[in-house]
Amino acid sequence: MKALVFVGLKPGVLDPQGRAIARSLNDLGFDEVTNAFQGKVIELDIEANDPEVVKGRVTEMCEKLLANTVIESYRIEIQA
């Protein structure tokens, strides 16, 4: 199975990389961009057959390593 973990900053946390991206896009003529948010996607290949078990294990991984839960939130997608 494959697990995708999307990690991004929680609302209210400053995102200087996102602001720099938005500003640079505006400088390149993409004036319609009003804001950008920088995050990360982590793709995991997992040997298991039960999606609920995989989701539980990946949640543990996020809480222990993959996301800084003080300032980041995460979303998990499981693909068969």
Protein backbone atom coordinates (compact mmCIF):
# COMPACT_ATOMS: atom_id res chain seq x y z
CA MET A 1 0.00 0.00 0.00
CA LYS A 2 0.98 3.59 -0.46
CA ALA A 3 0.42 6.36 2.07
CA LEU A 4 0.64 10.03 1.18
CA VAL A 5 1.19 12.47 4.03
CA PHE A 6 0.52 16.16 3.37
CA VAL A 7 2.14 18.41 5.97
CA GLY A 8 1.61 22.15 6.22
CA LEU A 9 1.70 24.95 8.73
CA LYS A 10 -1.29 25.44 11.00
CA PRO A 11 -3.41 28.56 10.45
CA GLY A 12 -1.85 31.60 12.08
CA VAL A 13 1.74 30.34 11.83
CA LEU A 14 3.93 32.64 9.75
CA ASP A 15 5.03 31.14 6.43
CA PRO A 16 7.99 33.18 5.11
CA GLN A 17 8.66 30.68 2.30
CA GLY A 18 5.06 30.90 1.14
CA ARG A 19 5.20 34.70 1.18
CA ALA A 20 8.44 34.66 -0.83
CA ILE A 21 6.84 32.35 -3.40
CA ALA A 22 3.78 34.59 -3.75
CA ARG A 23 5.94 37.72 -4.05
CA SER A 24 8.17 36.09 -6.67
CA LEU A 25 5.18 34.94 -8.70
CA ASN A 26 3.81 38.50 -8.60
CA ASP A 27 7.20 39.81 -9.75
CA LEU A 28 7.03 37.38 -12.70
CA GLY A 29 3.69 38.81 -13.77
CA PHE A 30 1.33 36.38 -12.05
CA ASP A 31 -0.61 39.15 -10.34
CA GLU A 32 -3.61 36.92 -9.63
CA VAL A 33 -1.64 35.09 -6.91
CA THR A 34 -2.59 36.63 -3.58
CA ASN A 35 -1.02 34.08 -1.25
CA ALA A 36 1.02 30.86 -1.31
CA PHE A 37 1.64 28.20 1.30
CA GLN A 38 4.75 26.03 1.45
CA GLY A 39 4.34 22.45 2.66
CA LYS A 40 5.64 18.99 2.01
CA VAL A 41 4.35 15.67 0.74
CA ILE A 42 5.81 12.44 2.05
CA GLU A 43 5.13 9.24 0.10
CA LEU A 44 5.47 5.96 1.98
CA ASP A 45 5.33 2.41 0.62
CA ILE A 46 4.00 0.17 3.36
CA GLU A 47 3.74 -3.61 3.47
CA ALA A 48 0.25 -4.19 4.84
CA ASN A 49 -3.21 -5.13 3.58
CA ASP A 50 -5.60 -3.33 5.95
CA PRO A 51 -6.04 0.40 5.17
CA GLU A 52 -7.20 1.16 8.72
CA VAL A 53 -4.08 -0.43 10.21
CA VAL A 54 -1.90 1.50 7.75
CA LYS A 55 -3.64 4.77 8.61
CA GLY A 56 -3.12 4.13 12.31
CA ARG A 57 0.57 3.38 11.85
CA VAL A 58 1.11 6.40 9.61
CA THR A 59 -0.67 8.59 12.17
CA GLU A 60 1.83 7.36 14.77
CA MET A 61 4.68 8.19 12.36
CA CYS A 62 3.34 11.70 11.88
CA GLU A 63 2.96 12.29 15.60
CA LYS A 64 6.48 11.02 16.35
CA LEU A 65 8.53 12.24 13.38
CA LEU A 66 6.94 13.41 10.15
CA ALA A 67 5.14 16.52 11.43
CA ASN A 68 5.96 19.06 14.10
CA THR A 69 2.48 19.01 15.58
CA VAL A 70 3.07 22.23 17.53
CA ILE A 71 3.09 24.29 14.31
CA GLU A 72 2.11 21.83 11.57
CA SER A 73 -0.99 19.87 10.67
CA TYR A 74 -1.10 16.80 8.47
CA ARG A 75 -3.52 14.87 6.29
CA ILE A 76 -3.11 11.21 5.31
CA GLU A 77 -4.32 9.50 2.14
CA ILE A 78 -4.09 5.72 1.80
CA GLN A 79 -3.93 4.20 -1.70
CA ALA A 80 -4.39 0.49 -2.30
